Amino acid sequence: MSNLKIGVLVDSFKLGIKDGLAKAAEVGAKGVQMYAVKGEMAPENMTAAKIKEIKDMVASNGLVISAICGDLGGGGFMRAEDNAWKVEKSKRIMDLSLELGCNIITTHIGIVPSEENERMEIMRAACSELAEYGDSVGAHFAIETGPEEAHTLKAFLESLSGKAVGVNFDPANLVMVH
């Protein structure tokens, strides 16, 4: 028998958190991923009472939070002019994730260039800062696979200064490469 456990993105049900968690349990999921970027789950909108309420709802449905999605859109971390606020918001999402009992935060970072260039340096600076922050708080920053080839993403990850960074492997994205 396999130990594989199925998880779902609560937001995919489009039912809100409470009903989405109930639906996840109903369909047999064991884990859930939740967006924490805007709306009621945004870090700036969360209180200690709300965090406890969500943790209780997750537990009462027999679920665990397997990851928190902190995807801020807009090209990920490819534009230097956006990275100050995006890095800061990503750190707050990491903090919230840990308060919810989950140490994995997923996001898209943008398309990693296949060769060294200015965009890669911009992305490297932002992702290194997040990896270092993850190291300091015990969180893992999981980069969604994109259209870049595996060896390009691997080299990029190895070039980061922090170790709390990894890959959120999405096999559907393989279609974009091959």
N, C-alpha and C. Protein backbone atom coordinates (compact mmCIF):
# COMPACT_ATOMS: atom_id res chain seq x y z
N MET A 1 0.84 -1.19 0.00
CA MET A 1 0.00 0.00 0.00
C MET A 1 0.88 1.24 0.00
N SER A 2 0.52 2.18 -0.78
CA SER A 2 1.30 3.42 -0.91
C SER A 2 1.01 4.37 0.24
N ASN A 3 2.01 5.15 0.60
CA ASN A 3 1.84 6.19 1.61
C ASN A 3 1.50 7.53 0.97
N LEU A 4 1.22 7.52 -0.32
CA LEU A 4 0.89 8.74 -1.04
C LEU A 4 -0.38 9.34 -0.47
N LYS A 5 -0.31 10.63 -0.16
CA LYS A 5 -1.47 11.33 0.37
C LYS A 5 -1.84 12.43 -0.62
N ILE A 6 -3.11 12.57 -0.86
CA ILE A 6 -3.61 13.56 -1.82
C ILE A 6 -3.93 14.86 -1.09
N GLY A 7 -3.49 15.95 -1.69
CA GLY A 7 -3.81 17.27 -1.17
C GLY A 7 -4.47 18.10 -2.26
N VAL A 8 -5.17 19.12 -1.86
CA VAL A 8 -5.86 19.98 -2.80
C VAL A 8 -5.64 21.45 -2.43
N LEU A 9 -5.81 22.30 -3.42
CA LEU A 9 -5.77 23.73 -3.19
C LEU A 9 -7.19 24.15 -2.79
N VAL A 10 -7.35 24.58 -1.56
CA VAL A 10 -8.69 24.92 -1.05
C VAL A 10 -9.39 25.91 -1.97
N ASP A 11 -8.66 26.90 -2.46
CA ASP A 11 -9.25 27.94 -3.30
C ASP A 11 -9.84 27.38 -4.61
N SER A 12 -9.40 26.20 -5.03
CA SER A 12 -9.89 25.64 -6.29
C SER A 12 -11.38 25.28 -6.21
N PHE A 13 -11.89 25.09 -5.01
CA PHE A 13 -13.31 24.78 -4.87
C PHE A 13 -14.19 26.03 -4.98
N LYS A 14 -13.58 27.20 -4.82
CA LYS A 14 -14.31 28.49 -4.90
C LYS A 14 -15.48 28.54 -3.92
N LEU A 15 -15.23 28.05 -2.70
CA LEU A 15 -16.27 28.00 -1.68
C LEU A 15 -15.94 28.81 -0.43
N GLY A 16 -14.80 29.47 -0.42
CA GLY A 16 -14.34 30.11 0.81
C GLY A 16 -13.59 29.10 1.66
N ILE A 17 -13.00 29.58 2.73
CA ILE A 17 -12.14 28.71 3.53
C ILE A 17 -12.93 27.62 4.24
N LYS A 18 -13.97 28.00 5.00
CA LYS A 18 -14.71 27.02 5.79
C LYS A 18 -15.31 25.92 4.92
N ASP A 19 -16.06 26.30 3.90
CA ASP A 19 -16.69 25.30 3.04
C ASP A 19 -15.67 24.59 2.16
N GLY A 20 -14.60 25.29 1.79
CA GLY A 20 -13.54 24.66 1.00
C GLY A 20 -12.82 23.57 1.78
N LEU A 21 -12.59 23.80 3.06
CA LEU A 21 -11.96 22.78 3.89
C LEU A 21 -12.89 21.57 4.06
N ALA A 22 -14.17 21.83 4.24
CA ALA A 22 -15.14 20.73 4.36
C ALA A 22 -15.19 19.93 3.06
N LYS A 23 -15.15 20.61 1.93
CA LYS A 23 -15.17 19.93 0.63
C LYS A 23 -13.89 19.10 0.44
N ALA A 24 -12.76 19.65 0.85
CA ALA A 24 -11.49 18.91 0.75
C ALA A 24 -11.58 17.59 1.51
N ALA A 25 -12.13 17.65 2.71
CA ALA A 25 -12.28 16.43 3.51
C ALA A 25 -13.27 15.48 2.84
N GLU A 26 -14.34 16.04 2.31
CA GLU A 26 -15.37 15.23 1.65
C GLU A 26 -14.82 14.45 0.46
N VAL A 27 -13.93 15.06 -0.31
CA VAL A 27 -13.37 14.37 -1.48
C VAL A 27 -12.20 13.45 -1.13
N GLY A 28 -11.85 13.38 0.15
CA GLY A 28 -10.83 12.45 0.59
C GLY A 28 -9.42 12.99 0.65
N ALA A 29 -9.26 14.29 0.54
CA ALA A 29 -7.92 14.88 0.65
C ALA A 29 -7.42 14.72 2.08
N LYS A 30 -6.12 14.65 2.21
CA LYS A 30 -5.49 14.59 3.53
C LYS A 30 -4.78 15.90 3.87
N GLY A 31 -4.40 16.63 2.82
CA GLY A 31 -3.71 17.90 3.02
C GLY A 31 -4.32 18.97 2.16
N VAL A 32 -4.05 20.22 2.54
CA VAL A 32 -4.55 21.35 1.77
C VAL A 32 -3.45 22.39 1.60
N GLN A 33 -3.55 23.08 0.49
CA GLN A 33 -2.72 24.26 0.25
C GLN A 33 -3.71 25.43 0.20
N MET A 34 -3.29 26.55 0.78
CA MET A 34 -4.17 27.71 0.81
C MET A 34 -3.39 28.95 0.37
N TYR A 35 -4.06 29.81 -0.41
CA TYR A 35 -3.47 31.09 -0.79
C TYR A 35 -3.47 32.01 0.42
N ALA A 36 -2.40 32.75 0.60
CA ALA A 36 -2.30 33.72 1.70
C ALA A 36 -1.74 35.03 1.16
N VAL A 37 -2.37 35.54 0.13
CA VAL A 37 -1.87 36.73 -0.54
C VAL A 37 -2.81 37.92 -0.34
N LYS A 38 -4.11 37.67 -0.51
CA LYS A 38 -5.08 38.75 -0.39
C LYS A 38 -6.33 38.24 0.29
N GLY A 39 -7.25 39.15 0.58
CA GLY A 39 -8.49 38.75 1.22
C GLY A 39 -8.29 38.33 2.66
N GLU A 40 -9.16 37.46 3.12
CA GLU A 40 -9.13 37.10 4.55
C GLU A 40 -7.87 36.37 4.98
N MET A 41 -7.15 35.73 4.05
CA MET A 41 -5.93 35.00 4.39
C MET A 41 -4.66 35.84 4.27
N ALA A 42 -4.75 37.07 3.80
CA ALA A 42 -3.56 37.91 3.68
C ALA A 42 -2.97 38.15 5.06
N PRO A 43 -1.65 38.12 5.18
CA PRO A 43 -1.02 38.30 6.50
C PRO A 43 -1.52 39.54 7.25
N GLU A 44 -1.71 40.63 6.51
CA GLU A 44 -2.13 41.87 7.16
C GLU A 44 -3.57 41.81 7.67
N ASN A 45 -4.34 40.82 7.24
CA ASN A 45 -5.72 40.68 7.68
C ASN A 45 -5.90 39.61 8.75
N MET A 46 -4.83 38.94 9.11
CA MET A 46 -4.92 37.85 10.07
C MET A 46 -4.65 38.33 11.49
N THR A 47 -5.43 37.79 12.41
CA THR A 47 -5.24 38.05 13.83
C THR A 47 -4.94 36.71 14.49
N ALA A 48 -4.52 36.75 15.74
CA ALA A 48 -4.28 35.50 16.47
C ALA A 48 -5.56 34.66 16.53
N ALA A 49 -6.69 35.32 16.72
CA ALA A 49 -7.96 34.59 16.80
C ALA A 49 -8.31 33.94 15.46
N LYS A 50 -8.07 34.65 14.36
CA LYS A 50 -8.36 34.11 13.02
C LYS A 50 -7.43 32.93 12.71
N ILE A 51 -6.17 33.06 13.08
CA ILE A 51 -5.22 31.96 12.86
C ILE A 51 -5.68 30.72 13.63
N LYS A 52 -6.07 30.90 14.89
CA LYS A 52 -6.56 29.77 15.68
C LYS A 52 -7.81 29.17 15.05
N GLU A 53 -8.71 30.02 14.59
CA GLU A 53 -9.95 29.55 13.95
C GLU A 53 -9.64 28.69 12.73
N ILE A 54 -8.71 29.13 11.90
CA ILE A 54 -8.35 28.37 10.69
C ILE A 54 -7.68 27.05 11.07
N LYS A 55 -6.76 27.10 12.02
CA LYS A 55 -6.12 25.86 12.47
C LYS A 55 -7.15 24.87 13.01
N ASP A 56 -8.12 25.37 13.76
CA ASP A 56 -9.17 24.50 14.30
C ASP A 56 -10.03 23.92 13.18
N MET A 57 -10.36 24.73 12.17
CA MET A 57 -11.17 24.23 11.04
C MET A 57 -10.40 23.15 10.27
N VAL A 58 -9.11 23.37 10.06
CA VAL A 58 -8.29 22.39 9.35
C VAL A 58 -8.29 21.07 10.14
N ALA A 59 -7.99 21.16 11.44
CA ALA A 59 -7.92 19.96 12.28
C ALA A 59 -9.27 19.26 12.39
N SER A 60 -10.36 20.03 12.54
CA SER A 60 -11.68 19.41 12.71
C SER A 60 -12.13 18.67 11.45
N ASN A 61 -11.53 19.01 10.32
CA ASN A 61 -11.83 18.30 9.07
C ASN A 61 -10.85 17.16 8.81
N GLY A 62 -9.95 16.91 9.78
CA GLY A 62 -8.99 15.82 9.64
C GLY A 62 -7.92 16.09 8.60
N LEU A 63 -7.61 17.36 8.38
CA LEU A 63 -6.65 17.78 7.36
C LEU A 63 -5.39 18.35 7.99
N VAL A 64 -4.38 18.50 7.17
CA VAL A 64 -3.19 19.25 7.53
C VAL A 64 -2.93 20.28 6.43
N ILE A 65 -2.28 21.36 6.80
CA ILE A 65 -1.87 22.34 5.78
C ILE A 65 -0.53 21.87 5.26
N SER A 66 -0.50 21.50 3.99
CA SER A 66 0.74 20.99 3.40
C SER A 66 1.60 22.10 2.84
N ALA A 67 0.97 23.21 2.45
CA ALA A 67 1.72 24.35 1.92
C ALA A 67 0.82 25.58 1.93
N ILE A 68 1.47 26.72 1.97
CA ILE A 68 0.79 28.00 1.81
C ILE A 68 1.30 28.61 0.51
N CYS A 69 0.38 29.05 -0.33
CA CYS A 69 0.77 29.67 -1.59
C CYS A 69 0.91 31.17 -1.39
N GLY A 70 2.09 31.66 -1.72
CA GLY A 70 2.37 33.09 -1.59
C GLY A 70 2.67 33.72 -2.93
N ASP A 71 2.01 33.25 -3.97
CA ASP A 71 2.27 33.73 -5.33
C ASP A 71 1.71 35.14 -5.51
N LEU A 72 2.60 36.11 -5.69
CA LEU A 72 2.21 37.51 -5.81
C LEU A 72 2.00 37.95 -7.25
N GLY A 73 2.19 37.05 -8.22
CA GLY A 73 1.92 37.36 -9.62
C GLY A 73 2.86 38.42 -10.18
N GLY A 74 2.46 38.97 -11.31
CA GLY A 74 3.20 40.08 -11.90
C GLY A 74 4.63 39.77 -12.29
N GLY A 75 4.89 38.57 -12.78
CA GLY A 75 6.24 38.22 -13.21
C GLY A 75 7.15 37.72 -12.11
N GLY A 76 6.58 37.37 -10.97
CA GLY A 76 7.39 36.85 -9.89
C GLY A 76 8.37 37.89 -9.38
N PHE A 77 9.65 37.54 -9.37
CA PHE A 77 10.69 38.43 -8.86
C PHE A 77 11.62 38.90 -9.98
N MET A 78 11.06 39.06 -11.18
CA MET A 78 11.89 39.44 -12.34
C MET A 78 12.10 40.95 -12.45
N ARG A 79 11.29 41.77 -11.75
CA ARG A 79 11.39 43.22 -11.90
C ARG A 79 11.89 43.85 -10.60
N ALA A 80 13.06 44.44 -10.67
CA ALA A 80 13.68 45.03 -9.49
C ALA A 80 12.77 46.05 -8.81
N GLU A 81 12.02 46.82 -9.59
CA GLU A 81 11.19 47.87 -9.02
C GLU A 81 10.05 47.33 -8.15
N ASP A 82 9.69 46.06 -8.30
CA ASP A 82 8.63 45.45 -7.50
C ASP A 82 9.15 44.61 -6.34
N ASN A 83 10.43 44.31 -6.36
CA ASN A 83 10.93 43.30 -5.43
C ASN A 83 10.97 43.73 -3.97
N ALA A 84 11.13 45.00 -3.67
CA ALA A 84 11.16 45.41 -2.26
C ALA A 84 9.86 45.01 -1.56
N TRP A 85 8.72 45.39 -2.15
CA TRP A 85 7.46 45.05 -1.49
C TRP A 85 7.15 43.56 -1.60
N LYS A 86 7.52 42.93 -2.72
CA LYS A 86 7.24 41.50 -2.89
C LYS A 86 8.04 40.64 -1.91
N VAL A 87 9.29 40.99 -1.70
CA VAL A 87 10.12 40.24 -0.75
C VAL A 87 9.57 40.43 0.66
N GLU A 88 9.24 41.67 1.01
CA GLU A 88 8.70 41.93 2.34
C GLU A 88 7.38 41.19 2.57
N LYS A 89 6.49 41.23 1.59
CA LYS A 89 5.21 40.51 1.71
C LYS A 89 5.45 39.01 1.79
N SER A 90 6.40 38.50 1.03
CA SER A 90 6.71 37.07 1.07
C SER A 90 7.22 36.66 2.45
N LYS A 91 7.98 37.52 3.10
CA LYS A 91 8.44 37.22 4.46
C LYS A 91 7.26 37.15 5.42
N ARG A 92 6.31 38.05 5.26
CA ARG A 92 5.12 38.04 6.13
C ARG A 92 4.29 36.78 5.87
N ILE A 93 4.25 36.34 4.62
CA ILE A 93 3.54 35.10 4.29
C ILE A 93 4.25 33.91 4.94
N MET A 94 5.58 33.92 4.94
CA MET A 94 6.32 32.86 5.63
C MET A 94 5.99 32.85 7.11
N ASP A 95 5.97 34.04 7.72
CA ASP A 95 5.64 34.13 9.15
C ASP A 95 4.25 33.57 9.42
N LEU A 96 3.28 33.96 8.60
CA LEU A 96 1.91 33.48 8.77
C LEU A 96 1.85 31.97 8.60
N SER A 97 2.53 31.46 7.59
CA SER A 97 2.54 30.03 7.35
C SER A 97 3.02 29.27 8.59
N LEU A 98 4.09 29.76 9.18
CA LEU A 98 4.61 29.11 10.39
C LEU A 98 3.60 29.18 11.53
N GLU A 99 2.91 30.30 11.66
CA GLU A 99 1.88 30.42 12.70
C GLU A 99 0.74 29.44 12.47
N LEU A 100 0.50 29.10 11.21
CA LEU A 100 -0.54 28.13 10.86
C LEU A 100 -0.05 26.68 10.98
N GLY A 101 1.23 26.52 11.33
CA GLY A 101 1.78 25.19 11.52
C GLY A 101 2.34 24.55 10.26
N CYS A 102 2.65 25.37 9.28
CA CYS A 102 3.17 24.87 8.01
C CYS A 102 4.47 25.60 7.68
N ASN A 103 5.49 24.87 7.26
CA ASN A 103 6.76 25.53 6.97
C ASN A 103 7.11 25.55 5.48
N ILE A 104 6.12 25.31 4.62
CA ILE A 104 6.38 25.33 3.18
C ILE A 104 5.52 26.41 2.53
N ILE A 105 6.19 27.31 1.83
CA ILE A 105 5.54 28.40 1.11
C ILE A 105 5.88 28.24 -0.35
N THR A 106 4.87 28.21 -1.21
CA THR A 106 5.11 28.04 -2.64
C THR A 106 4.85 29.34 -3.39
N THR A 107 5.55 29.51 -4.50
CA THR A 107 5.35 30.69 -5.33
C THR A 107 5.99 30.50 -6.69
N HIS A 108 5.56 31.30 -7.64
CA HIS A 108 6.24 31.42 -8.93
C HIS A 108 7.24 32.56 -8.79
N ILE A 109 8.41 32.39 -9.33
CA ILE A 109 9.41 33.47 -9.24
C ILE A 109 9.61 34.17 -10.57
N GLY A 110 9.01 33.66 -11.63
CA GLY A 110 9.25 34.16 -12.97
C GLY A 110 10.12 33.15 -13.71
N ILE A 111 10.37 33.42 -14.96
CA ILE A 111 11.15 32.49 -15.79
C ILE A 111 12.63 32.73 -15.56
N VAL A 112 13.31 31.69 -15.12
CA VAL A 112 14.75 31.79 -14.87
C VAL A 112 15.47 31.79 -16.22
N PRO A 113 16.27 32.83 -16.49
CA PRO A 113 17.00 32.88 -17.77
C PRO A 113 17.99 31.72 -17.88
N SER A 114 18.24 31.29 -19.10
CA SER A 114 19.17 30.18 -19.30
C SER A 114 20.63 30.62 -19.23
N GLU A 115 20.86 31.93 -19.29
CA GLU A 115 22.23 32.46 -19.20
C GLU A 115 22.25 33.60 -18.19
N GLU A 116 23.43 33.82 -17.62
CA GLU A 116 23.60 34.93 -16.67
C GLU A 116 23.27 36.24 -17.36
N ASN A 117 22.44 37.04 -16.70
CA ASN A 117 22.13 38.37 -17.20
C ASN A 117 21.57 39.20 -16.06
N GLU A 118 21.18 40.43 -16.34
CA GLU A 118 20.69 41.33 -15.29
C GLU A 118 19.43 40.78 -14.63
N ARG A 119 18.52 40.23 -15.43
CA ARG A 119 17.28 39.69 -14.84
C ARG A 119 17.59 38.56 -13.87
N MET A 120 18.55 37.70 -14.22
CA MET A 120 18.90 36.61 -13.32
C MET A 120 19.45 37.17 -12.01
N GLU A 121 20.27 38.21 -12.09
CA GLU A 121 20.82 38.81 -10.87
C GLU A 121 19.72 39.40 -10.00
N ILE A 122 18.73 40.03 -10.63
CA ILE A 122 17.59 40.60 -9.89
C ILE A 122 16.83 39.48 -9.18
N MET A 123 16.56 38.40 -9.90
CA MET A 123 15.85 37.26 -9.32
C MET A 123 16.68 36.60 -8.22
N ARG A 124 17.97 36.46 -8.46
CA ARG A 124 18.86 35.83 -7.48
C ARG A 124 18.88 36.63 -6.18
N ALA A 125 18.94 37.95 -6.28
CA ALA A 125 18.98 38.78 -5.07
C ALA A 125 17.71 38.59 -4.25
N ALA A 126 16.55 38.63 -4.90
CA ALA A 126 15.28 38.47 -4.19
C ALA A 126 15.16 37.07 -3.59
N CYS A 127 15.45 36.06 -4.38
CA CYS A 127 15.30 34.67 -3.91
C CYS A 127 16.33 34.33 -2.84
N SER A 128 17.52 34.88 -2.93
CA SER A 128 18.53 34.66 -1.88
C SER A 128 18.06 35.27 -0.57
N GLU A 129 17.51 36.48 -0.63
CA GLU A 129 17.01 37.11 0.60
C GLU A 129 15.90 36.27 1.23
N LEU A 130 15.01 35.74 0.41
CA LEU A 130 13.93 34.90 0.93
C LEU A 130 14.45 33.57 1.47
N ALA A 131 15.43 33.00 0.79
CA ALA A 131 16.03 31.75 1.27
C ALA A 131 16.74 31.97 2.60
N GLU A 132 17.45 33.07 2.73
CA GLU A 132 18.12 33.38 3.99
C GLU A 132 17.10 33.61 5.11
N TYR A 133 16.02 34.30 4.78
CA TYR A 133 14.97 34.51 5.78
C TYR A 133 14.37 33.17 6.19
N GLY A 134 14.09 32.33 5.21
CA GLY A 134 13.58 31.00 5.51
C GLY A 134 14.52 30.23 6.42
N ASP A 135 15.82 30.33 6.15
CA ASP A 135 16.82 29.69 7.02
C ASP A 135 16.67 30.18 8.46
N SER A 136 16.46 31.49 8.62
CA SER A 136 16.44 32.09 9.96
C SER A 136 15.16 31.76 10.74
N VAL A 137 14.07 31.47 10.05
CA VAL A 137 12.81 31.22 10.75
C VAL A 137 12.34 29.77 10.67
N GLY A 138 13.00 28.95 9.87
CA GLY A 138 12.62 27.54 9.75
C GLY A 138 11.55 27.28 8.71
N ALA A 139 11.50 28.12 7.69
CA ALA A 139 10.52 27.94 6.61
C ALA A 139 11.24 27.53 5.34
N HIS A 140 10.51 26.95 4.41
CA HIS A 140 11.06 26.54 3.13
C HIS A 140 10.31 27.25 2.02
N PHE A 141 11.05 27.92 1.18
CA PHE A 141 10.55 28.69 0.07
C PHE A 141 10.61 27.79 -1.16
N ALA A 142 9.45 27.29 -1.62
CA ALA A 142 9.41 26.31 -2.71
C ALA A 142 8.99 26.99 -4.01
N ILE A 143 9.90 27.00 -4.94
CA ILE A 143 9.71 27.65 -6.24
C ILE A 143 8.95 26.71 -7.17
N GLU A 144 7.88 27.21 -7.72
CA GLU A 144 7.10 26.44 -8.70
C GLU A 144 7.92 26.25 -9.96
N THR A 145 7.93 25.03 -10.46
CA THR A 145 8.63 24.79 -11.72
C THR A 145 7.93 25.58 -12.82
N GLY A 146 8.72 26.04 -13.77
CA GLY A 146 8.18 26.81 -14.89
C GLY A 146 8.68 26.26 -16.21
N PRO A 147 8.75 27.09 -17.21
CA PRO A 147 9.14 26.61 -18.53
C PRO A 147 10.65 26.42 -18.71
N GLU A 148 11.45 26.86 -17.72
CA GLU A 148 12.89 26.67 -17.87
C GLU A 148 13.24 25.19 -17.76
N GLU A 149 14.35 24.83 -18.35
CA GLU A 149 14.80 23.43 -18.27
C GLU A 149 15.31 23.13 -16.86
N ALA A 150 15.23 21.87 -16.48
CA ALA A 150 15.58 21.45 -15.13
C ALA A 150 17.00 21.87 -14.74
N HIS A 151 17.95 21.72 -15.65
CA HIS A 151 19.34 22.06 -15.31
C HIS A 151 19.49 23.56 -15.06
N THR A 152 18.70 24.38 -15.74
CA THR A 152 18.73 25.84 -15.53
C THR A 152 18.21 26.17 -14.13
N LEU A 153 17.09 25.57 -13.76
CA LEU A 153 16.53 25.81 -12.43
C LEU A 153 17.46 25.29 -11.35
N LYS A 154 18.04 24.14 -11.56
CA LYS A 154 18.97 23.56 -10.58
C LYS A 154 20.17 24.48 -10.37
N ALA A 155 20.75 24.96 -11.44
CA ALA A 155 21.91 25.87 -11.32
C ALA A 155 21.51 27.15 -10.60
N PHE A 156 20.33 27.68 -10.91
CA PHE A 156 19.86 28.89 -10.24
C PHE A 156 19.72 28.64 -8.74
N LEU A 157 19.07 27.55 -8.36
CA LEU A 157 18.88 27.24 -6.94
C LEU A 157 20.22 27.08 -6.22
N GLU A 158 21.16 26.44 -6.88
CA GLU A 158 22.47 26.23 -6.27
C GLU A 158 23.25 27.54 -6.12
N SER A 159 22.87 28.57 -6.88
CA SER A 159 23.57 29.84 -6.80
C SER A 159 23.04 30.75 -5.69
N LEU A 160 21.95 30.35 -5.04
CA LEU A 160 21.36 31.19 -3.99
C LEU A 160 22.16 31.07 -2.70
N SER A 161 22.14 32.15 -1.92
CA SER A 161 22.94 32.17 -0.70
C SER A 161 22.29 31.43 0.45
N GLY A 162 20.98 31.30 0.48
CA GLY A 162 20.31 30.57 1.55
C GLY A 162 20.01 29.14 1.14
N LYS A 163 19.76 28.30 2.10
CA LYS A 163 19.48 26.89 1.83
C LYS A 163 18.00 26.53 1.93
N ALA A 164 17.17 27.42 2.47
CA ALA A 164 15.75 27.12 2.68
C ALA A 164 14.94 27.37 1.43
N VAL A 165 15.42 26.88 0.31
CA VAL A 165 14.74 27.05 -0.96
C VAL A 165 14.73 25.71 -1.67
N GLY A 166 13.64 25.43 -2.35
CA GLY A 166 13.52 24.17 -3.06
C GLY A 166 12.57 24.32 -4.21
N VAL A 167 12.03 23.19 -4.66
CA VAL A 167 11.17 23.18 -5.84
C VAL A 167 9.80 22.62 -5.47
N ASN A 168 8.78 23.30 -5.91
CA ASN A 168 7.42 22.79 -5.88
C ASN A 168 7.19 22.21 -7.27
N PHE A 169 7.40 20.92 -7.40
CA PHE A 169 7.38 20.27 -8.71
C PHE A 169 5.96 20.17 -9.23
N ASP A 170 5.72 20.78 -10.36
CA ASP A 170 4.42 20.72 -11.03
C ASP A 170 4.61 20.02 -12.36
N PRO A 171 4.28 18.74 -12.45
CA PRO A 171 4.53 17.99 -13.68
C PRO A 171 3.79 18.56 -14.89
N ALA A 172 2.71 19.27 -14.68
CA ALA A 172 1.99 19.88 -15.81
C ALA A 172 2.88 20.88 -16.54
N ASN A 173 3.81 21.49 -15.82
CA ASN A 173 4.69 22.46 -16.45
C ASN A 173 5.71 21.82 -17.39
N LEU A 174 5.90 20.51 -17.29
CA LEU A 174 6.81 19.83 -18.21
C LEU A 174 6.34 19.97 -19.65
N VAL A 175 5.04 20.09 -19.82
CA VAL A 175 4.46 20.24 -21.15
C VAL A 175 4.99 21.51 -21.83
N MET A 176 5.26 22.53 -21.02
CA MET A 176 5.75 23.80 -21.57
C MET A 176 7.17 23.68 -22.11
N VAL A 177 7.92 22.71 -21.60
CA VAL A 177 9.33 22.58 -21.99
C VAL A 177 9.49 21.63 -23.16
N HIS A 178 8.74 20.56 -23.15
CA HIS A 178 8.95 19.53 -24.19
C HIS A 178 7.73 19.29 -25.03
